[in-house]
């Protein structure tokens, strides 16, 4: 039955009928993406002013030194282990979270145009995080004192969760989700969140403004082991829950009534999906700021390559999302060196035209 559900779920993707079993290709793509992620991470670790080579880095990790290769200097060790390695790990976590969240939202809303950044979820999470940054020492002092380093992540999670719940309730009626209503409601919710964020920014002092300006555009520059410890477990738990949703999301593509008849606990699936997306996006926004378009670009590209089966789409999205965010981070660090360009600008420059292409491609299919 699972194979039947997966096959039927892929019948009407982008207005094209998909036939044949793509599981072999999907497994091959996942394996290739896993190798690509290892290579990309290693390149990111050795990309920059320090002259530590990839061979020297791996050698020092495994053996302490490689014959013919000098050991890492104290300066290079600090750069690699205390600056670049947290940045790479955080990039992998955030990239995977954004891409998988996009894939889950698209499965939940049954439309490939759904994305946490486009429908206001990221803006809601950002509002929660900005509230802690600006009001953490005054109005929200008891909250920050109680939760410590987790306050920012939990506030962002709460903002994303509230936004997602409102969005779903507004866009869904009698088990059917209107893409037009979803996009319009997302724009409205995002605008309200941005307005409230603007008020908080207006209230911020000079030190907070410097942090907020760069943070709102998205960056991994502030990656630390403490941030990974605060946001990493939340993202990891959210990602760990998504494989258990795959079969349910496949069935949900046939409609809520059909999925329910097939034995899928639809309401529980919705709640788990909403909480997982909100947790992943909230924690990601808290540590990296607003990084858009990863959630819509990655799942759409993978559907063209391996089909819509979420059993393969979700893990592939995690791998490709991590790779793309690490590449975007490398570009942001080097394109205007020695300064650093916010990652959100890089992803928007690529994702904006891609989103426009999706709209043009679906113009005859989806009536907006």
Protein backbone atom coordinates (compact mmCIF):
# COMPACT_ATOMS: atom_id res chain seq x y z
CA UNK A 1 0.00 0.00 0.00
CA UNK A 2 2.85 2.40 0.82
CA UNK A 3 4.24 2.08 -2.69
CA UNK A 4 0.79 2.74 -4.13
CA UNK A 5 0.37 5.83 -1.96
CA UNK A 6 3.79 7.13 -2.95
CA UNK A 7 3.07 6.58 -6.62
CA UNK A 8 -0.34 8.22 -6.54
CA UNK A 9 1.05 11.13 -4.50
CA UNK A 10 3.34 11.95 -7.35
CA UNK A 11 0.73 11.93 -10.09
CA UNK A 12 0.03 15.63 -10.30
CA UNK A 13 3.24 17.44 -9.41
CA UNK A 14 3.70 20.63 -11.38
CA UNK A 15 0.98 19.54 -13.78
CA UNK A 16 3.03 16.60 -15.07
CA UNK A 17 2.27 12.94 -14.63
CA UNK A 18 5.16 10.99 -13.16
CA UNK A 19 5.42 7.32 -13.93
CA UNK A 20 7.85 4.59 -13.00
CA UNK A 21 9.74 3.75 -9.83
CA UNK A 22 12.36 6.37 -8.96
CA UNK A 23 13.57 4.76 -5.72
CA UNK A 24 16.83 3.58 -7.29
CA UNK A 25 17.60 7.04 -8.64
CA UNK A 26 16.60 8.59 -5.33
CA UNK A 27 19.00 6.40 -3.36
CA UNK A 28 21.77 7.23 -5.83
CA UNK A 29 21.07 10.96 -5.49
CA UNK A 30 21.03 10.73 -1.69
CA UNK A 31 24.39 8.94 -1.73
CA UNK A 32 25.87 11.53 -4.08
CA UNK A 33 24.54 14.37 -1.91
CA UNK A 34 26.08 12.79 1.20
CA UNK A 35 29.48 12.71 -0.51
CA UNK A 36 28.96 16.27 -1.78
CA UNK A 37 28.17 17.45 1.76
CA UNK A 38 31.39 15.96 3.13
CA UNK A 39 33.41 17.61 0.36
CA UNK A 40 31.61 20.93 0.78
CA UNK A 41 32.14 20.90 4.54
CA UNK A 42 35.83 20.15 4.13
CA UNK A 43 36.23 22.94 1.58
CA UNK A 44 34.42 25.35 3.89
CA UNK A 45 36.78 24.44 6.71
CA UNK A 46 39.84 25.25 4.60
CA UNK A 47 38.44 28.24 2.69
CA UNK A 48 39.76 31.57 3.87
CA UNK A 49 42.84 33.50 4.94
CA UNK A 50 44.40 30.60 6.80
CA UNK A 51 46.57 28.38 4.57
CA UNK A 52 45.63 25.13 6.30
CA UNK A 53 45.04 22.55 3.57
CA UNK A 54 42.33 19.91 3.52
CA UNK A 55 44.97 17.15 3.72
CA UNK A 56 46.62 18.80 6.70
CA UNK A 57 43.29 19.28 8.42
CA UNK A 58 42.20 15.65 8.03
CA UNK A 59 45.67 14.45 8.95
CA UNK A 60 45.71 16.47 12.15
CA UNK A 61 42.30 15.15 13.09
CA UNK A 62 43.15 11.49 12.46
CA UNK A 63 46.86 11.16 13.09
CA UNK A 64 48.06 14.42 14.61
CA UNK A 65 50.21 15.13 11.54
CA UNK A 66 50.72 13.94 7.97
CA UNK A 67 54.22 13.10 6.66
CA UNK A 68 55.50 16.01 4.62
CA UNK A 69 52.78 18.27 5.97
CA UNK A 70 53.38 20.77 8.78
CA UNK A 71 51.12 20.56 11.78
CA UNK A 72 48.54 23.27 12.14
CA UNK A 73 49.89 26.36 13.87
CA UNK A 74 48.20 27.67 16.99
CA UNK A 75 46.65 30.48 14.93
CA UNK A 76 45.36 28.07 12.28
CA UNK A 77 44.01 25.72 14.92
CA UNK A 78 42.00 28.54 16.50
CA UNK A 79 40.69 29.61 13.09
CA UNK A 80 39.72 26.07 12.08
CA UNK A 81 38.40 24.62 15.33
CA UNK A 82 36.95 27.68 17.08
CA UNK A 83 35.72 29.78 14.15
CA UNK A 84 35.22 27.71 11.00
CA UNK A 85 34.11 24.38 12.49
CA UNK A 86 31.21 25.86 14.50
CA UNK A 87 30.26 27.85 11.41
CA UNK A 88 30.22 24.73 9.24
CA UNK A 89 28.23 22.70 11.77
CA UNK A 90 25.74 25.52 12.20
CA UNK A 91 25.47 25.90 8.41
CA UNK A 92 24.69 22.19 8.05
CA UNK A 93 22.04 22.31 10.78
CA UNK A 94 20.38 25.49 9.52
CA UNK A 95 20.52 24.50 5.83
CA UNK A 96 18.99 21.10 6.58
CA UNK A 97 16.32 22.68 8.81
CA UNK A 98 15.28 25.26 6.21
CA UNK A 99 15.12 22.76 3.34
CA UNK A 100 13.29 20.03 5.26
CA UNK A 101 10.85 22.57 6.73
CA UNK A 102 10.06 23.74 3.21
CA UNK A 103 9.47 20.17 2.04
CA UNK A 104 7.21 19.41 5.02
CA UNK A 105 5.19 22.61 4.56
CA UNK A 106 4.77 21.85 0.86
CA UNK A 107 3.52 18.37 1.74
CA UNK A 108 1.22 19.72 4.45
CA UNK A 109 -0.29 22.41 2.20
CA UNK A 110 -0.08 20.12 -0.84
CA UNK A 111 1.55 22.80 -2.98
CA UNK A 112 5.22 23.32 -3.98
CA UNK A 113 4.94 27.09 -3.48
CA UNK A 114 4.78 26.83 0.31
CA UNK A 115 7.92 28.03 2.08
CA UNK A 116 8.52 29.24 5.66
CA UNK A 117 10.10 32.46 4.42
CA UNK A 118 7.39 33.30 1.90
CA UNK A 119 4.38 32.63 4.11
CA UNK A 120 5.49 34.58 7.16
CA UNK A 121 6.75 31.79 9.43
CA UNK A 122 10.32 33.08 9.39
CA UNK A 123 9.08 36.61 10.04
CA UNK A 124 7.10 35.36 13.05
CA UNK A 125 10.13 33.52 14.37
CA UNK A 126 12.21 36.64 13.80
CA UNK A 127 9.75 38.70 15.83
CA UNK A 128 10.11 36.31 18.75
CA UNK A 129 13.90 36.45 18.57
CA UNK A 130 14.03 40.25 18.23
CA UNK A 131 11.74 40.56 21.25
CA UNK A 132 14.30 38.75 23.38
CA UNK A 133 17.23 40.72 21.94
CA UNK A 134 15.62 44.11 22.58
CA UNK A 135 13.49 43.42 25.67
CA UNK A 136 15.54 40.65 27.24
CA UNK A 137 17.06 42.94 29.86
CA UNK A 138 13.83 44.79 30.70
CA UNK A 139 10.30 43.54 30.08
CA UNK A 140 11.34 39.92 29.34
CA UNK A 141 14.09 39.78 31.97
CA UNK A 142 12.36 37.00 34.02
CA UNK A 143 11.96 34.91 30.84
CA UNK A 144 15.60 35.26 29.81
CA UNK A 145 16.84 34.70 33.36
CA UNK A 146 14.84 31.49 33.63
CA UNK A 147 15.84 30.01 30.26
CA UNK A 148 19.33 31.45 29.87
CA UNK A 149 20.94 30.67 26.50
CA UNK A 150 17.79 28.86 25.33
CA UNK A 151 15.60 31.98 25.63
CA UNK A 152 16.33 33.22 22.10
CA UNK A 153 15.66 29.86 20.45
CA UNK A 154 12.47 29.23 22.41
CA UNK A 155 11.14 32.73 21.73
CA UNK A 156 11.78 32.26 18.00
CA UNK A 157 10.11 28.84 18.17
CA UNK A 158 7.05 30.36 19.84
CA UNK A 159 6.82 33.08 17.18
CA UNK A 160 7.09 30.57 14.34
CA UNK A 161 4.59 28.21 15.97
CA UNK A 162 1.95 30.89 16.47
CA UNK A 163 2.39 32.13 12.89
CA UNK A 164 2.13 28.61 11.43
CA UNK A 165 -1.02 27.77 13.40
CA UNK A 166 -2.72 31.01 12.32
CA UNK A 167 -1.65 30.47 8.70
CA UNK A 168 -2.96 26.92 8.57
CA UNK A 169 -6.31 27.82 10.16
CA UNK A 170 -6.81 30.75 7.79
CA UNK A 171 -5.81 28.89 4.61
CA UNK A 172 -7.58 25.58 5.27
CA UNK A 173 -11.32 25.09 5.08
CA UNK A 174 -13.12 21.73 5.16
CA UNK A 175 -9.86 19.88 4.61
CA UNK A 176 -8.87 21.91 1.57
CA UNK A 177 -6.06 24.42 1.50
CA UNK A 178 -6.27 27.37 -0.88
CA UNK A 179 -2.86 28.33 -2.26
CA UNK A 180 -4.06 31.86 -3.00
CA UNK A 181 -5.34 32.30 0.56
CA UNK A 182 -2.17 30.77 1.96
CA UNK A 183 0.12 33.15 0.08
CA UNK A 184 -2.01 36.21 0.82
CA UNK A 185 -2.40 35.29 4.49
CA UNK A 186 1.33 34.62 4.69
CA UNK A 187 2.08 38.04 3.23
CA UNK A 188 -0.29 39.66 5.72
CA UNK A 189 1.14 37.78 8.71
CA UNK A 190 4.68 38.51 7.56
CA UNK A 191 3.86 42.20 7.18
CA UNK A 192 2.40 42.38 10.69
CA UNK A 193 5.41 40.56 12.14
CA UNK A 194 7.79 42.88 10.27
CA UNK A 195 5.86 45.94 11.52
CA UNK A 196 6.13 44.79 15.13
CA UNK A 197 9.78 43.94 14.58
CA UNK A 198 10.29 47.47 13.23
CA UNK A 199 8.83 48.92 16.42
CA UNK A 200 11.25 46.86 18.49
CA UNK A 201 14.16 47.90 16.27
CA UNK A 202 13.15 51.53 16.80
CA UNK A 203 13.34 50.91 20.55
CA UNK A 204 16.79 49.27 20.36
CA UNK A 205 20.00 50.98 21.47
CA UNK A 206 23.09 51.37 19.26
CA UNK A 207 24.67 48.08 20.30
CA UNK A 208 21.47 46.14 19.68
CA UNK A 209 20.96 47.89 16.34
CA UNK A 210 24.35 46.75 15.05
CA UNK A 211 23.53 43.17 15.95
CA UNK A 212 20.01 43.32 14.55
CA UNK A 213 20.92 44.89 11.21
CA UNK A 214 23.29 42.09 10.24
CA UNK A 215 21.22 39.38 11.94
CA UNK A 216 18.01 40.26 10.08
CA UNK A 217 19.75 39.70 6.72
CA UNK A 218 21.04 36.29 7.77
CA UNK A 219 24.58 35.29 8.66
CA UNK A 220 26.64 32.48 10.16
CA UNK A 221 29.37 34.89 11.23
CA UNK A 222 28.40 34.68 14.90
CA UNK A 223 28.54 30.88 15.04
CA UNK A 224 29.85 29.61 18.36
CA UNK A 225 29.81 26.33 20.20
CA UNK A 226 27.35 27.90 22.68
CA UNK A 227 24.89 28.71 19.89
CA UNK A 228 25.20 25.17 18.56
CA UNK A 229 24.52 23.81 22.05
CA UNK A 230 21.41 26.02 22.34
CA UNK A 231 19.87 25.53 18.89
CA UNK A 232 21.40 22.22 17.77
CA UNK A 233 19.28 19.88 19.95
CA UNK A 234 16.05 21.64 18.92
CA UNK A 235 16.89 21.41 15.22
CA UNK A 236 18.11 17.82 15.55
CA UNK A 237 14.89 16.72 17.30
CA UNK A 238 12.74 18.45 14.67
CA UNK A 239 14.69 16.81 11.84
CA UNK A 240 14.56 13.43 13.56
CA UNK A 241 10.76 13.60 13.62
CA UNK A 242 10.35 14.27 9.90
CA UNK A 243 11.09 10.73 8.54
CA UNK A 244 8.12 9.46 10.54
CA UNK A 245 5.88 11.90 8.65
CA UNK A 246 6.96 10.77 5.18
CA UNK A 247 4.31 8.11 4.53
CA UNK A 248 1.60 10.31 6.02
CA UNK A 249 2.59 13.24 3.81
CA UNK A 250 2.53 10.93 0.79
CA UNK A 251 -1.02 9.89 1.66
CA UNK A 252 -2.02 13.48 2.43
CA UNK A 253 -1.24 14.39 -1.19
CA UNK A 254 -4.38 12.45 -2.12
CA UNK A 255 -6.50 14.63 0.15
CA UNK A 256 -7.29 14.55 3.86
CA UNK A 257 -10.36 12.34 3.48
CA UNK A 258 -8.50 9.72 1.43
CA UNK A 259 -5.51 9.81 3.78
CA UNK A 260 -7.81 9.26 6.73
CA UNK A 261 -9.44 6.27 5.00
CA UNK A 262 -5.95 4.85 4.42
CA UNK A 263 -5.35 4.88 8.16
CA UNK A 264 -3.31 8.07 8.49
CA UNK A 265 -4.01 10.03 11.71
CA UNK A 266 -4.41 13.28 9.79
CA UNK A 267 -4.91 15.68 12.70
CA UNK A 268 -1.97 14.27 14.63
CA UNK A 269 0.17 14.47 11.50
CA UNK A 270 -0.76 18.14 11.10
CA UNK A 271 0.12 18.97 14.68
CA UNK A 272 3.45 17.13 14.58
CA UNK A 273 4.35 18.76 11.25
CA UNK A 274 3.46 22.25 12.48
CA UNK A 275 5.43 21.85 15.71
CA UNK A 276 8.45 20.35 13.93
CA UNK A 277 8.55 23.11 11.30
CA UNK A 278 8.12 25.82 13.92
CA UNK A 279 10.87 24.36 16.11
CA UNK A 280 13.32 23.99 13.22
CA UNK A 281 12.63 27.44 11.77
CA UNK A 282 12.55 29.12 15.17
CA UNK A 283 15.88 27.70 16.26
CA UNK A 284 17.43 28.44 12.86
CA UNK A 285 16.25 32.05 12.81
CA UNK A 286 17.46 32.53 16.39
CA UNK A 287 21.07 31.66 15.53
CA UNK A 288 21.39 32.71 11.89
CA UNK A 289 18.74 35.36 11.23
CA UNK A 290 16.52 35.46 8.18
CA UNK A 291 17.78 33.26 5.33
CA UNK A 292 15.20 32.86 2.60
CA UNK A 293 14.43 30.68 -0.43
CA UNK A 294 16.36 27.56 0.67
CA UNK A 295 13.03 26.02 1.68
CA UNK A 296 11.44 26.46 -1.74
CA UNK A 297 14.41 25.95 -4.05
CA UNK A 298 15.74 22.69 -2.61
CA UNK A 299 12.56 20.55 -2.50
CA UNK A 300 11.48 21.75 -5.94
CA UNK A 301 14.82 20.86 -7.53
CA UNK A 302 14.76 17.43 -5.90
CA UNK A 303 11.20 16.71 -7.04
CA UNK A 304 12.35 17.22 -10.61
CA UNK A 305 15.19 14.74 -10.05
CA UNK A 306 13.80 12.02 -7.77
CA UNK A 307 10.04 12.58 -7.67
CA UNK A 308 7.71 13.58 -4.83
CA UNK A 309 8.05 10.54 -2.54
CA UNK A 310 8.74 12.08 0.88
CA UNK A 311 10.57 8.97 2.06
CA UNK A 312 13.42 10.07 -0.17
CA UNK A 313 12.61 13.75 -0.60
CA UNK A 314 13.04 14.67 3.08
CA UNK A 315 16.54 13.20 3.64
CA UNK A 316 17.67 14.45 0.22
CA UNK A 317 16.39 17.93 1.09
CA UNK A 318 18.38 17.92 4.33
CA UNK A 319 21.60 17.05 2.48
CA UNK A 320 21.12 19.46 -0.42
CA UNK A 321 19.96 22.28 1.86
CA UNK A 322 23.10 21.89 3.98
CA UNK A 323 25.31 21.87 0.85
CA UNK A 324 23.69 24.97 -0.65
CA UNK A 325 23.88 26.97 2.57
CA UNK A 326 27.57 26.11 3.01
CA UNK A 327 28.20 27.21 -0.58
CA UNK A 328 26.25 30.43 -0.02
CA UNK A 329 28.28 31.05 3.14
CA UNK A 330 31.52 30.55 1.21
CA UNK A 331 30.35 33.07 -1.40
CA UNK A 332 29.30 35.57 1.27
CA UNK A 333 32.75 35.36 2.90
CA UNK A 334 34.73 35.87 -0.29
CA UNK A 335 32.72 37.94 -2.77
CA UNK A 336 33.43 41.24 -0.99
CA UNK A 337 36.48 40.17 1.05
CA UNK A 338 37.74 41.22 3.53
CA UNK A 339 34.17 42.30 4.37
CA UNK A 340 31.34 39.77 4.59
CA UNK A 341 28.06 39.82 2.69
CA UNK A 342 24.99 38.57 4.61
CA UNK A 343 23.91 35.13 3.43
CA UNK A 344 20.31 36.28 3.06
CA UNK A 345 21.37 38.55 0.21
CA UNK A 346 23.09 35.66 -1.59
CA UNK A 347 20.17 33.25 -1.23
CA UNK A 348 17.65 35.94 -2.24
CA UNK A 349 19.69 36.81 -5.34
CA UNK A 350 19.49 33.18 -6.46
CA UNK A 351 16.13 32.20 -4.97
CA UNK A 352 14.14 35.19 -6.21
CA UNK A 353 14.58 34.43 -9.93
CA UNK A 354 14.05 30.73 -9.20
CA UNK A 355 10.73 31.44 -7.46
CA UNK A 356 9.66 33.60 -10.40
CA UNK A 357 10.50 30.71 -12.74
CA UNK A 358 8.33 28.37 -10.64
CA UNK A 359 5.41 30.80 -10.88
CA UNK A 360 5.80 31.13 -14.65
CA UNK A 361 6.11 27.36 -15.01
CA UNK A 362 2.91 26.82 -13.03
CA UNK A 363 1.01 29.76 -14.52
CA UNK A 364 -1.31 27.49 -16.46
CA UNK A 365 -1.76 25.10 -13.51
CA UNK A 366 -2.34 27.25 -10.42
CA UNK A 367 -4.73 30.16 -10.61
CA UNK A 368 -3.36 32.79 -8.27
